[in-house]
């Protein structure tokens, strides 16, 4: 993920670039800037452990709020009608595709599990911020049964 500027802010937390599996999109925003359209993408992500607590939930650790900006976007296909109170994605894929649009070689895709999803091409991807995230009482665990069905 070396082509994502500032990727070290996230890889230093997780030891690798995370998959964003089950991450929650907290905010999406379009910005009209000199070089075109930029998309701001804010997500809550974590690492799931194999530990199960006394109530049958997997323990979740390293809760992080990550803010990414995708610069000079094109081919934007995001269904904002799907955006609602909770927007959970199956993953975030950021790939460098030299055979795509010559001036927008970065391809971004995020698949919805609940809520918004979409894709775009952009000139460059940047991790603007990565910070610890304090969340509600239910965060920090996933039901074990849900993971085994």
C-alpha atoms as a PDB file:
ATOM      1  CA  UNK A   1       0.000   0.000   0.000  1.00  0.00           C
ATOM      2  CA  UNK A   2       3.052   2.184  -0.453  1.00  0.00           C
ATOM      3  CA  UNK A   3       1.275   4.321  -3.052  1.00  0.00           C
ATOM      4  CA  UNK A   4      -1.175   5.607  -0.383  1.00  0.00           C
ATOM      5  CA  UNK A   5       0.553   8.696   0.978  1.00  0.00           C
ATOM      6  CA  UNK A   6       0.863   8.497   4.780  1.00  0.00           C
ATOM      7  CA  UNK A   7       0.090   4.756   4.885  1.00  0.00           C
ATOM      8  CA  UNK A   8       2.576   4.378   7.749  1.00  0.00           C
ATOM      9  CA  UNK A   9       0.090   6.048  10.109  1.00  0.00           C
ATOM     10  CA  UNK A  10      -2.162   3.005   9.745  1.00  0.00           C
ATOM     11  CA  UNK A  11       0.368   0.233   9.192  1.00  0.00           C
ATOM     12  CA  UNK A  12       2.115   1.264  12.412  1.00  0.00           C
ATOM     13  CA  UNK A  13      -1.134   0.563  14.310  1.00  0.00           C
ATOM     14  CA  UNK A  14      -2.075  -2.749  12.660  1.00  0.00           C
ATOM     15  CA  UNK A  15       1.335  -4.028  11.527  1.00  0.00           C
ATOM     16  CA  UNK A  16       0.058  -4.103   7.923  1.00  0.00           C
ATOM     17  CA  UNK A  17      -2.487  -2.321   5.751  1.00  0.00           C
ATOM     18  CA  UNK A  18      -5.889  -3.373   7.165  1.00  0.00           C
ATOM     19  CA  UNK A  19      -8.657  -4.873   5.014  1.00  0.00           C
ATOM     20  CA  UNK A  20     -11.360  -2.556   6.419  1.00  0.00           C
ATOM     21  CA  UNK A  21     -13.590  -5.659   6.719  1.00  0.00           C
ATOM     22  CA  UNK A  22     -16.688  -4.723   8.762  1.00  0.00           C
ATOM     23  CA  UNK A  23     -15.432  -1.133   9.060  1.00  0.00           C
ATOM     24  CA  UNK A  24     -18.085   1.531   9.498  1.00  0.00           C
ATOM     25  CA  UNK A  25     -18.068   4.562   7.229  1.00  0.00           C
ATOM     26  CA  UNK A  26     -18.621   7.549   9.492  1.00  0.00           C
ATOM     27  CA  UNK A  27     -18.505  10.241   6.809  1.00  0.00           C
ATOM     28  CA  UNK A  28     -18.192  10.742   3.071  1.00  0.00           C
ATOM     29  CA  UNK A  29     -17.674  14.158   1.583  1.00  0.00           C
ATOM     30  CA  UNK A  30     -17.065  15.622  -1.832  1.00  0.00           C
ATOM     31  CA  UNK A  31     -14.810  18.652  -2.192  1.00  0.00           C
ATOM     32  CA  UNK A  32     -14.512  20.889  -5.218  1.00  0.00           C
ATOM     33  CA  UNK A  33     -10.841  21.856  -5.393  1.00  0.00           C
ATOM     34  CA  UNK A  34      -8.509  23.363  -7.975  1.00  0.00           C
ATOM     35  CA  UNK A  35      -7.536  20.005  -9.467  1.00  0.00           C
ATOM     36  CA  UNK A  36     -11.145  18.719  -9.667  1.00  0.00           C
ATOM     37  CA  UNK A  37     -13.172  16.687  -7.204  1.00  0.00           C
ATOM     38  CA  UNK A  38     -11.752  15.092  -4.080  1.00  0.00           C
ATOM     39  CA  UNK A  39     -13.541  12.596  -1.858  1.00  0.00           C
ATOM     40  CA  UNK A  40     -13.065  12.527   1.904  1.00  0.00           C
ATOM     41  CA  UNK A  41     -13.640   9.071   3.431  1.00  0.00           C
ATOM     42  CA  UNK A  42     -13.781   8.606   7.233  1.00  0.00           C
ATOM     43  CA  UNK A  43     -14.092   5.124   8.748  1.00  0.00           C
ATOM     44  CA  UNK A  44     -14.003   3.350  12.114  1.00  0.00           C
ATOM     45  CA  UNK A  45     -11.982   0.150  11.911  1.00  0.00           C
ATOM     46  CA  UNK A  46     -10.465  -2.325  14.353  1.00  0.00           C
ATOM     47  CA  UNK A  47      -8.729  -5.649  14.663  1.00  0.00           C
ATOM     48  CA  UNK A  48     -10.740  -8.708  15.638  1.00  0.00           C
ATOM     49  CA  UNK A  49      -9.034 -11.181  17.980  1.00  0.00           C
ATOM     50  CA  UNK A  50      -9.757 -14.876  18.474  1.00  0.00           C
ATOM     51  CA  UNK A  51     -10.530 -14.236  22.161  1.00  0.00           C
ATOM     52  CA  UNK A  52     -14.161 -14.660  23.179  1.00  0.00           C
ATOM     53  CA  UNK A  53     -15.476 -12.935  26.297  1.00  0.00           C
ATOM     54  CA  UNK A  54     -17.897 -14.380  28.894  1.00  0.00           C
ATOM     55  CA  UNK A  55     -20.907 -13.215  26.828  1.00  0.00           C
ATOM     56  CA  UNK A  56     -19.753 -14.938  23.617  1.00  0.00           C
ATOM     57  CA  UNK A  57     -18.344 -11.892  21.809  1.00  0.00           C
ATOM     58  CA  UNK A  58     -15.038 -11.701  19.975  1.00  0.00           C
ATOM     59  CA  UNK A  59     -12.810  -9.053  21.509  1.00  0.00           C
ATOM     60  CA  UNK A  60     -12.051  -6.171  19.162  1.00  0.00           C
ATOM     61  CA  UNK A  61      -8.922  -4.093  19.667  1.00  0.00           C
ATOM     62  CA  UNK A  62      -7.068  -1.177  18.080  1.00  0.00           C
ATOM     63  CA  UNK A  63     -10.208   0.894  17.409  1.00  0.00           C
ATOM     64  CA  UNK A  64      -9.075   3.528  14.927  1.00  0.00           C
ATOM     65  CA  UNK A  65     -10.661   6.408  13.077  1.00  0.00           C
ATOM     66  CA  UNK A  66      -9.015   6.700   9.657  1.00  0.00           C
ATOM     67  CA  UNK A  67      -9.491   9.674   7.344  1.00  0.00           C
ATOM     68  CA  UNK A  68      -8.537   9.199   3.695  1.00  0.00           C
ATOM     69  CA  UNK A  69      -8.688  11.707   0.859  1.00  0.00           C
ATOM     70  CA  UNK A  70      -8.859  10.636  -2.762  1.00  0.00           C
ATOM     71  CA  UNK A  71      -7.580  13.441  -5.002  1.00  0.00           C
ATOM     72  CA  UNK A  72      -8.783  14.435  -8.475  1.00  0.00           C
ATOM     73  CA  UNK A  73     -11.516  11.795  -8.793  1.00  0.00           C
ATOM     74  CA  UNK A  74     -13.281  10.514 -11.882  1.00  0.00           C
ATOM     75  CA  UNK A  75     -15.545   7.573 -12.683  1.00  0.00           C
ATOM     76  CA  UNK A  76     -17.274   8.133  -9.338  1.00  0.00           C
ATOM     77  CA  UNK A  77     -19.966   5.501  -8.784  1.00  0.00           C
ATOM     78  CA  UNK A  78     -21.159   5.890  -5.200  1.00  0.00           C
ATOM     79  CA  UNK A  79     -24.783   5.288  -4.299  1.00  0.00           C
ATOM     80  CA  UNK A  80     -25.320   7.952  -1.627  1.00  0.00           C
ATOM     81  CA  UNK A  81     -28.976   6.874  -1.389  1.00  0.00           C
ATOM     82  CA  UNK A  82     -27.659   3.895   0.561  1.00  0.00           C
ATOM     83  CA  UNK A  83     -26.016   6.155   3.147  1.00  0.00           C
ATOM     84  CA  UNK A  84     -27.802   5.897   6.491  1.00  0.00           C
ATOM     85  CA  UNK A  85     -27.208   5.665  10.243  1.00  0.00           C
ATOM     86  CA  UNK A  86     -24.851   2.693   9.956  1.00  0.00           C
ATOM     87  CA  UNK A  87     -22.705   2.061   6.878  1.00  0.00           C
ATOM     88  CA  UNK A  88     -20.702  -1.151   7.182  1.00  0.00           C
ATOM     89  CA  UNK A  89     -18.416  -2.277   4.367  1.00  0.00           C
ATOM     90  CA  UNK A  90     -17.025  -5.663   3.437  1.00  0.00           C
ATOM     91  CA  UNK A  91     -13.665  -4.118   2.627  1.00  0.00           C
ATOM     92  CA  UNK A  92     -11.792  -1.210   1.099  1.00  0.00           C
ATOM     93  CA  UNK A  93      -9.652  -1.995  -1.938  1.00  0.00           C
ATOM     94  CA  UNK A  94      -7.175   0.585  -3.173  1.00  0.00           C
ATOM     95  CA  UNK A  95      -5.198  -0.592  -6.179  1.00  0.00           C
ATOM     96  CA  UNK A  96      -2.696   0.962  -8.529  1.00  0.00           C
ATOM     97  CA  UNK A  97      -3.707   0.135 -12.087  1.00  0.00           C
ATOM     98  CA  UNK A  98      -1.345   1.507 -14.699  1.00  0.00           C
ATOM     99  CA  UNK A  99      -3.730   0.328 -17.435  1.00  0.00           C
ATOM    100  CA  UNK A 100      -6.601   2.493 -16.150  1.00  0.00           C
ATOM    101  CA  UNK A 101      -7.103   6.166 -16.978  1.00  0.00           C
ATOM    102  CA  UNK A 102      -3.560   7.465 -17.594  1.00  0.00           C
ATOM    103  CA  UNK A 103      -3.902  10.444 -15.274  1.00  0.00           C
ATOM    104  CA  UNK A 104      -5.944   8.605 -12.600  1.00  0.00           C
ATOM    105  CA  UNK A 105      -4.125   5.317 -11.922  1.00  0.00           C
ATOM    106  CA  UNK A 106      -5.552   4.669  -8.442  1.00  0.00           C
ATOM    107  CA  UNK A 107      -8.742   2.599  -8.275  1.00  0.00           C
ATOM    108  CA  UNK A 108     -10.842   2.598  -5.075  1.00  0.00           C
ATOM    109  CA  UNK A 109     -13.696   0.231  -4.265  1.00  0.00           C
ATOM    110  CA  UNK A 110     -15.713  -0.375  -1.107  1.00  0.00           C
ATOM    111  CA  UNK A 111     -18.482  -2.942  -0.979  1.00  0.00           C
ATOM    112  CA  UNK A 112     -21.511  -2.364   1.224  1.00  0.00           C
ATOM    113  CA  UNK A 113     -22.636  -4.875   3.819  1.00  0.00           C
ATOM    114  CA  UNK A 114     -25.116  -2.307   5.116  1.00  0.00           C
ATOM    115  CA  UNK A 115     -25.489   1.178   3.686  1.00  0.00           C
ATOM    116  CA  UNK A 116     -23.296   2.929   1.165  1.00  0.00           C
ATOM    117  CA  UNK A 117     -20.778   1.424  -1.251  1.00  0.00           C
ATOM    118  CA  UNK A 118     -19.103   2.393  -4.477  1.00  0.00           C
ATOM    119  CA  UNK A 119     -16.000   2.923  -6.559  1.00  0.00           C
ATOM    120  CA  UNK A 120     -13.904   5.644  -8.174  1.00  0.00           C
ATOM    121  CA  UNK A 121     -10.641   6.368  -9.923  1.00  0.00           C
ATOM    122  CA  UNK A 122      -8.307   9.111  -8.719  1.00  0.00           C
ATOM    123  CA  UNK A 123      -4.903  10.671  -9.260  1.00  0.00           C
ATOM    124  CA  UNK A 124      -3.665   9.873  -5.743  1.00  0.00           C
ATOM    125  CA  UNK A 125      -4.763   8.482  -2.380  1.00  0.00           C
ATOM    126  CA  UNK A 126      -3.751   9.962   0.973  1.00  0.00           C
ATOM    127  CA  UNK A 127      -4.224   8.813   4.554  1.00  0.00           C
ATOM    128  CA  UNK A 128      -4.809  12.204   6.157  1.00  0.00           C
ATOM    129  CA  UNK A 129      -5.245  11.045   9.734  1.00  0.00           C
ATOM    130  CA  UNK A 130      -5.264   7.912  11.874  1.00  0.00           C
ATOM    131  CA  UNK A 131      -6.230   8.254  15.517  1.00  0.00           C
ATOM    132  CA  UNK A 132      -7.528   6.060  18.351  1.00  0.00           C
ATOM    133  CA  UNK A 133     -11.325   5.925  18.323  1.00  0.00           C
ATOM    134  CA  UNK A 134     -13.508   5.820  21.420  1.00  0.00           C
ATOM    135  CA  UNK A 135     -16.784   4.101  20.687  1.00  0.00           C
ATOM    136  CA  UNK A 136     -19.960   3.002  22.468  1.00  0.00           C
ATOM    137  CA  UNK A 137     -20.522   0.165  24.909  1.00  0.00           C
ATOM    138  CA  UNK A 138     -21.331  -2.418  22.212  1.00  0.00           C
ATOM    139  CA  UNK A 139     -18.155  -1.736  20.268  1.00  0.00           C
ATOM    140  CA  UNK A 140     -15.217  -3.914  21.102  1.00  0.00           C
ATOM    141  CA  UNK A 141     -16.995  -7.200  20.515  1.00  0.00           C
ATOM    142  CA  UNK A 142     -18.729  -9.217  17.809  1.00  0.00           C
ATOM    143  CA  UNK A 143     -21.090 -12.076  18.608  1.00  0.00           C
ATOM    144  CA  UNK A 144     -19.340 -15.425  18.272  1.00  0.00           C
ATOM    145  CA  UNK A 145     -22.493 -17.055  16.847  1.00  0.00           C
ATOM    146  CA  UNK A 146     -22.613 -14.528  14.018  1.00  0.00           C
ATOM    147  CA  UNK A 147     -19.074 -15.421  13.078  1.00  0.00           C
ATOM    148  CA  UNK A 148     -19.805 -19.152  12.938  1.00  0.00           C
ATOM    149  CA  UNK A 149     -22.999 -19.087  10.855  1.00  0.00           C
END
